[in-house]
Amino acid sequence: MRRKIPSTAALLAFDAAARHESFTLAAEELALTQSAVCRQIGALEEFLGVELFRRTRRGVRLTDAGLSYSRQISSRLDAVERDTLTVMAHHGSGATVELAVVPTFATRWLLPRLQDFFALHPGVSVNLSTRTRPFLFDETEFDAAIYFGDAGWPGTDAHYLMRENPVPVCSPRLLAGRDHLTPADIATLPLLQQTTRPYAWRQWFSALGMRIDYDMTGPRLELFSMLAQAAMHDLGVALIPPFLIQEELDSGRLVAPCAQRYLSERAYYLIIPERKAETGSLAAFRDWLIATATDYRVAAGLD
């Protein structure tokens, strides 16, 4: 059955014109004449039976329908381009795993170990994109996700990787000559908060049997990398898993003034849609990642 879709040329012309809200600039981008772009847009509007642009004396503006359609078409053209580049890069062979990741875990823990996977599976590529919150796999191009939280994503298999076990860290200047800080000392300092873990400090103090009135007060930042930078610039004390800031601890840019840590209830998981669970390249990556995380937990004594 023939698909009821417009021509690629018309979609490309529309995408460029929608981004610029200008047929002239779209023509320059596509190396076409302005009249050619106008014809493509006109043919697309006729095909859809919908006006996509409102023509004015000052140029063109997207209609509400045009704005909605441009958002959908843009993401689909991006996907086509990505798939095309993947095929070109592999000359038609090999496989690619599209992986959504939480940023700091990916840069500090996963990437330094990824070469081991490539050595075992040279025909597989792994593309990483950041996502910090749950999403619907059917609405994205992702094959899997590394996610921190609970394992209950409907229609997916969740594979446990590790917990966090965060400890308080700060700039050595914040110690003001002291060797360490007690929990009571830490309670008097600015507490750097993480947006995705709003109760972290409350849980840390509670594990020590302490109740602090202002344990949720302080600057809020989304990523561990932001927390680390804020702590290094003397903005306060942050709760961060040591394995994510080992370089900063080794160099002395950050110190752990109190050894007390708590075992986080949530954890890092590899999340895979059930329908993709046995895909060859994805299954290979899953098995490697689970084994690597297990070895790391044992060596680091995290569990």
Protein backbone atom coordinates (compact mmCIF):
# COMPACT_ATOMS: atom_id res chain seq x y z
CA MET A 1 0.00 0.00 0.00
CA ARG A 2 1.37 3.39 -0.93
CA ARG A 3 2.08 5.59 2.08
CA LYS A 4 0.12 8.82 2.23
CA ILE A 5 3.03 11.15 2.91
CA PRO A 6 4.31 14.30 1.17
CA SER A 7 7.51 14.39 -0.85
CA THR A 8 10.80 14.69 1.02
CA ALA A 9 11.62 17.85 -0.93
CA ALA A 10 8.42 19.50 0.27
CA LEU A 11 9.09 18.52 3.88
CA LEU A 12 12.65 19.84 3.76
CA ALA A 13 11.46 23.12 2.27
CA PHE A 14 8.76 23.43 4.92
CA ASP A 15 11.18 22.60 7.75
CA ALA A 16 13.66 25.26 6.62
CA ALA A 17 10.94 27.86 6.03
CA ALA A 18 9.38 27.12 9.42
CA ARG A 19 12.68 27.51 11.27
CA HIS A 20 13.47 30.83 9.57
CA GLU A 21 9.89 31.98 9.01
CA SER A 22 11.26 33.15 5.70
CA PHE A 23 11.05 31.63 2.24
CA THR A 24 14.10 33.65 1.22
CA LEU A 25 16.31 32.32 4.00
CA ALA A 26 14.99 28.80 3.41
CA ALA A 27 15.94 29.08 -0.25
CA GLU A 28 19.46 30.20 0.69
CA GLU A 29 19.86 27.26 3.10
CA LEU A 30 18.65 24.72 0.56
CA ALA A 31 20.45 26.30 -2.43
CA LEU A 32 17.12 26.77 -4.24
CA THR A 33 15.32 29.73 -5.68
CA GLN A 34 12.67 31.43 -3.60
CA SER A 35 10.03 30.50 -6.17
CA ALA A 36 11.04 26.82 -5.87
CA VAL A 37 10.53 26.96 -2.10
CA CYS A 38 7.18 28.68 -2.60
CA ARG A 39 6.09 25.93 -5.00
CA GLN A 40 7.11 23.21 -2.56
CA ILE A 41 5.26 24.87 0.31
CA GLY A 42 2.20 25.43 -1.86
CA ALA A 43 2.21 21.79 -2.95
CA LEU A 44 2.50 20.66 0.68
CA GLU A 45 -0.41 22.87 1.78
CA GLU A 46 -2.50 21.53 -1.09
CA PHE A 47 -1.59 17.95 -0.14
CA LEU A 48 -2.56 18.54 3.50
CA GLY A 49 -5.53 20.75 2.81
CA VAL A 50 -4.23 23.04 5.55
CA GLU A 51 -2.70 26.52 5.48
CA LEU A 52 0.74 26.33 7.09
CA PHE A 53 1.87 29.93 6.63
CA ARG A 54 0.06 33.23 6.83
CA ARG A 55 1.35 35.58 4.13
CA THR A 56 1.72 39.21 5.22
CA ARG A 57 3.31 42.33 3.80
CA ARG A 58 6.29 41.75 6.09
CA GLY A 59 6.79 38.13 5.06
CA VAL A 60 5.32 34.88 6.32
CA ARG A 61 4.29 33.61 9.75
CA LEU A 62 3.40 30.08 10.79
CA THR A 63 -0.24 29.39 11.47
CA ASP A 64 -1.13 27.39 14.59
CA ALA A 65 -1.41 24.28 12.43
CA GLY A 66 1.92 25.09 10.79
CA LEU A 67 3.66 25.51 14.14
CA SER A 68 2.33 22.17 15.41
CA TYR A 69 3.25 20.38 12.17
CA SER A 70 6.75 21.90 12.11
CA ARG A 71 7.52 20.57 15.58
CA GLN A 72 6.51 17.06 14.56
CA ILE A 73 8.24 17.13 11.18
CA SER A 74 11.48 18.55 12.60
CA SER A 75 11.90 15.69 15.07
CA ARG A 76 11.17 13.10 12.39
CA LEU A 77 13.63 14.63 9.94
CA ASP A 78 16.24 14.61 12.72
CA ALA A 79 15.56 10.89 13.22
CA VAL A 80 15.89 10.19 9.49
CA GLU A 81 19.18 12.12 9.39
CA ARG A 82 20.49 10.25 12.43
CA ASP A 83 19.56 6.87 10.94
CA THR A 84 21.14 7.84 7.63
CA LEU A 85 24.40 8.89 9.29
CA THR A 86 24.46 5.61 11.22
CA VAL A 87 24.15 3.56 8.04
CA MET A 88 26.80 5.69 6.33
CA ALA A 89 29.17 5.37 9.28
CA HIS A 90 28.93 1.60 9.32
CA HIS A 91 28.80 1.13 5.54
CA GLY A 92 25.64 -0.89 6.01
CA SER A 93 27.12 -3.25 8.62
CA GLY A 94 27.23 -3.28 12.41
CA ALA A 95 24.64 -2.08 14.89
CA THR A 96 23.94 0.92 17.09
CA VAL A 97 22.55 1.19 20.60
CA GLU A 98 20.78 4.48 21.32
CA LEU A 99 21.13 5.03 25.06
CA ALA A 100 19.57 7.68 27.28
CA VAL A 101 21.76 8.41 30.29
CA VAL A 102 21.94 10.53 33.42
CA PRO A 103 24.81 12.93 32.67
CA THR A 104 27.35 12.66 35.49
CA PHE A 105 27.09 8.87 35.79
CA ALA A 106 27.69 8.61 32.04
CA THR A 107 30.69 10.93 31.92
CA ARG A 108 32.36 9.82 35.16
CA TRP A 109 31.58 6.09 35.35
CA LEU A 110 30.34 4.73 32.01
CA LEU A 111 32.55 6.48 29.45
CA PRO A 112 35.88 5.52 31.05
CA ARG A 113 34.81 1.84 30.79
CA LEU A 114 33.09 1.88 27.41
CA GLN A 115 36.24 1.05 25.46
CA ASP A 116 36.18 -2.40 27.11
CA PHE A 117 32.78 -3.02 25.52
CA PHE A 118 33.97 -1.85 22.10
CA ALA A 119 36.95 -4.19 22.33
CA LEU A 120 34.57 -7.11 22.85
CA HIS A 121 32.04 -5.93 20.26
CA PRO A 122 33.86 -3.86 17.60
CA GLY A 123 30.85 -3.85 15.29
CA VAL A 124 28.55 -2.09 17.78
CA SER A 125 28.30 1.66 18.38
CA VAL A 126 26.75 3.21 21.48
CA ASN A 127 25.26 6.69 21.17
CA LEU A 128 24.61 8.61 24.39
CA SER A 129 22.02 11.33 24.99
CA THR A 130 21.16 12.85 28.35
CA ARG A 131 17.80 12.38 30.03
CA THR A 132 17.36 12.99 33.75
CA ARG A 133 13.70 11.97 34.08
CA PRO A 134 11.51 9.04 32.96
CA PHE A 135 10.01 9.09 29.46
CA LEU A 136 8.00 6.89 27.09
CA PHE A 137 10.25 4.79 24.88
CA ASP A 138 7.62 4.69 22.12
CA GLU A 139 7.94 8.47 21.76
CA THR A 140 11.74 8.47 21.37
CA GLU A 141 14.48 6.77 19.38
CA PHE A 142 16.07 5.26 22.50
CA ASP A 143 16.74 1.54 22.82
CA ALA A 144 17.47 1.69 26.55
CA ALA A 145 18.14 4.08 29.41
CA ILE A 146 20.45 4.28 32.39
CA TYR A 147 18.28 5.86 35.03
CA PHE A 148 18.50 6.68 38.73
CA GLY A 149 15.34 6.01 40.68
CA ASP A 150 12.90 3.16 41.07
CA ALA A 151 12.68 0.18 38.74
CA GLY A 152 8.97 0.44 37.98
CA TRP A 153 8.74 1.56 34.36
CA PRO A 154 5.72 -0.20 32.80
CA GLY A 155 6.54 -2.49 29.88
CA THR A 156 10.28 -2.59 30.59
CA ASP A 157 12.92 -4.84 32.13
CA ALA A 158 14.99 -3.15 34.86
CA HIS A 159 18.53 -4.35 35.60
CA TYR A 160 20.11 -3.20 38.86
CA LEU A 161 23.51 -1.54 38.53
CA MET A 162 24.41 0.17 41.83
CA ARG A 163 23.35 2.48 44.61
CA GLU A 164 24.95 5.83 45.32
CA ASN A 165 26.12 5.96 49.00
CA PRO A 166 26.74 9.75 48.96
CA VAL A 167 29.00 11.56 51.45
CA PRO A 168 29.32 15.27 52.31
CA VAL A 169 32.04 17.02 50.29
CA CYS A 170 33.27 20.58 50.17
CA SER A 171 36.21 22.78 49.31
CA PRO A 172 39.18 22.40 51.71
CA ARG A 173 38.93 26.15 52.29
CA LEU A 174 35.54 25.64 53.91
CA LEU A 175 37.21 23.62 56.69
CA ALA A 176 39.03 26.77 57.89
CA GLY A 177 41.99 24.78 59.16
CA ARG A 178 40.02 21.91 60.68
CA ASP A 179 40.77 18.27 59.87
CA HIS A 180 37.13 17.22 59.73
CA LEU A 181 33.57 18.38 60.35
CA THR A 182 31.00 16.80 62.62
CA PRO A 183 27.41 16.43 61.39
CA ALA A 184 26.52 19.31 63.72
CA ASP A 185 29.21 21.45 62.04
CA ILE A 186 27.84 20.59 58.61
CA ALA A 187 24.34 21.61 59.71
CA THR A 188 25.61 25.16 60.24
CA LEU A 189 27.02 25.48 56.70
CA PRO A 190 25.17 26.21 53.44
CA LEU A 191 23.73 22.93 52.16
CA LEU A 192 23.82 22.52 48.39
CA GLN A 193 20.63 20.82 47.23
CA GLN A 194 20.07 18.61 44.20
CA THR A 195 16.87 19.12 42.25
CA THR A 196 16.35 15.44 41.47
CA ARG A 197 17.10 14.34 45.06
CA PRO A 198 15.31 16.97 47.17
CA TYR A 199 15.33 14.92 50.40
CA ALA A 200 18.99 13.85 50.28
CA TRP A 201 20.18 15.97 53.18
CA ARG A 202 17.12 15.10 55.28
CA GLN A 203 17.83 11.40 54.72
CA TRP A 204 21.50 11.87 55.59
CA PHE A 205 20.75 13.66 58.85
CA SER A 206 17.95 11.22 59.70
CA ALA A 207 20.37 8.29 59.34
CA LEU A 208 22.32 9.95 62.19
CA GLY A 209 19.21 10.47 64.32
CA MET A 210 19.30 14.23 63.73
CA ARG A 211 16.49 16.59 62.83
CA ILE A 212 17.62 19.82 61.17
CA ASP A 213 15.10 22.60 60.54
CA TYR A 214 16.79 23.92 57.40
CA ASP A 215 17.90 20.65 55.81
CA MET A 216 16.06 21.46 52.56
CA THR A 217 17.27 25.05 52.32
CA GLY A 218 20.06 26.10 49.98
CA PRO A 219 20.88 26.60 46.31
CA ARG A 220 19.33 23.93 44.07
CA LEU A 221 21.24 22.45 41.15
CA GLU A 222 20.19 19.66 38.82
CA LEU A 223 23.39 17.70 38.17
CA PHE A 224 26.13 16.23 40.38
CA SER A 225 28.68 17.99 38.17
CA MET A 226 27.02 21.31 39.06
CA LEU A 227 27.04 20.42 42.75
CA ALA A 228 30.74 19.57 42.56
CA GLN A 229 31.57 22.86 40.86
CA ALA A 230 29.52 24.80 43.42
CA ALA A 231 31.28 23.02 46.29
CA MET A 232 34.72 23.66 44.76
CA HIS A 233 33.84 27.37 44.62
CA ASP A 234 33.07 27.48 48.36
CA LEU A 235 29.29 27.80 47.95
CA GLY A 236 28.56 25.11 50.52
CA VAL A 237 28.60 21.39 51.28
CA ALA A 238 27.23 18.88 48.76
CA LEU A 239 26.13 15.26 49.07
CA ILE A 240 27.79 13.35 46.21
CA PRO A 241 28.71 9.68 45.66
CA PRO A 242 32.53 9.49 45.82
CA PHE A 243 32.79 7.41 42.63
CA LEU A 244 31.41 10.35 40.63
CA ILE A 245 34.05 12.82 41.88
CA GLN A 246 37.10 10.62 42.39
CA GLU A 247 39.32 12.95 40.35
CA GLU A 248 38.38 15.95 42.48
CA LEU A 249 38.94 14.01 45.70
CA ASP A 250 42.30 12.66 44.53
CA SER A 251 43.49 16.13 43.51
CA GLY A 252 42.31 17.75 46.76
CA ARG A 253 39.94 20.15 45.04
CA LEU A 254 37.20 18.52 47.11
CA VAL A 255 37.47 16.84 50.50
CA ALA A 256 35.13 14.53 52.40
CA PRO A 257 35.21 16.10 55.90
CA CYS A 258 32.79 13.58 57.41
CA ALA A 259 32.91 9.87 56.57
CA GLN A 260 29.25 9.24 57.34
CA ARG A 261 27.37 8.01 54.28
CA TYR A 262 23.91 6.58 53.82
CA LEU A 263 22.66 3.81 51.59
CA SER A 264 20.28 5.40 49.10
CA GLU A 265 16.93 3.68 48.68
CA ARG A 266 16.93 4.33 44.95
CA ALA A 267 19.56 3.06 42.54
CA TYR A 268 20.95 3.17 39.01
CA TYR A 269 19.20 0.79 36.62
CA LEU A 270 19.51 -0.15 33.00
CA ILE A 271 15.97 0.10 31.63
CA ILE A 272 15.11 -1.82 28.45
CA PRO A 273 11.69 -2.03 26.74
CA GLU A 274 10.41 -5.62 26.83
CA ARG A 275 9.98 -5.64 23.06
CA LYS A 276 13.72 -4.95 22.60
CA ALA A 277 15.08 -7.13 25.40
CA GLU A 278 16.62 -9.78 23.14
CA THR A 279 17.92 -7.54 20.37
CA GLY A 280 21.42 -8.83 19.67
CA SER A 281 23.52 -5.68 20.13
CA LEU A 282 21.39 -4.43 23.01
CA ALA A 283 21.55 -7.80 24.79
CA ALA A 284 25.34 -7.77 24.42
CA PHE A 285 25.53 -4.29 25.92
CA ARG A 286 23.16 -5.30 28.75
CA ASP A 287 25.23 -8.36 29.69
CA TRP A 288 28.49 -6.38 29.60
CA LEU A 289 27.10 -3.49 31.66
CA ILE A 290 25.59 -5.73 34.35
CA ALA A 291 28.84 -7.70 34.68
CA THR A 292 30.94 -4.52 34.79
CA ALA A 293 28.71 -2.92 37.43
CA THR A 294 28.77 -6.10 39.53
CA ASP A 295 32.57 -6.25 39.42
CA TYR A 296 32.76 -2.58 40.37
CA ARG A 297 30.39 -2.96 43.34
CA VAL A 298 32.38 -5.88 44.69
CA ALA A 299 35.73 -4.09 44.28
CA ALA A 300 34.44 -0.84 45.81
CA GLY A 301 32.43 -2.51 48.58
CA LEU A 302 29.34 -0.48 47.66
CA ASP A 303 26.71 -3.10 48.58
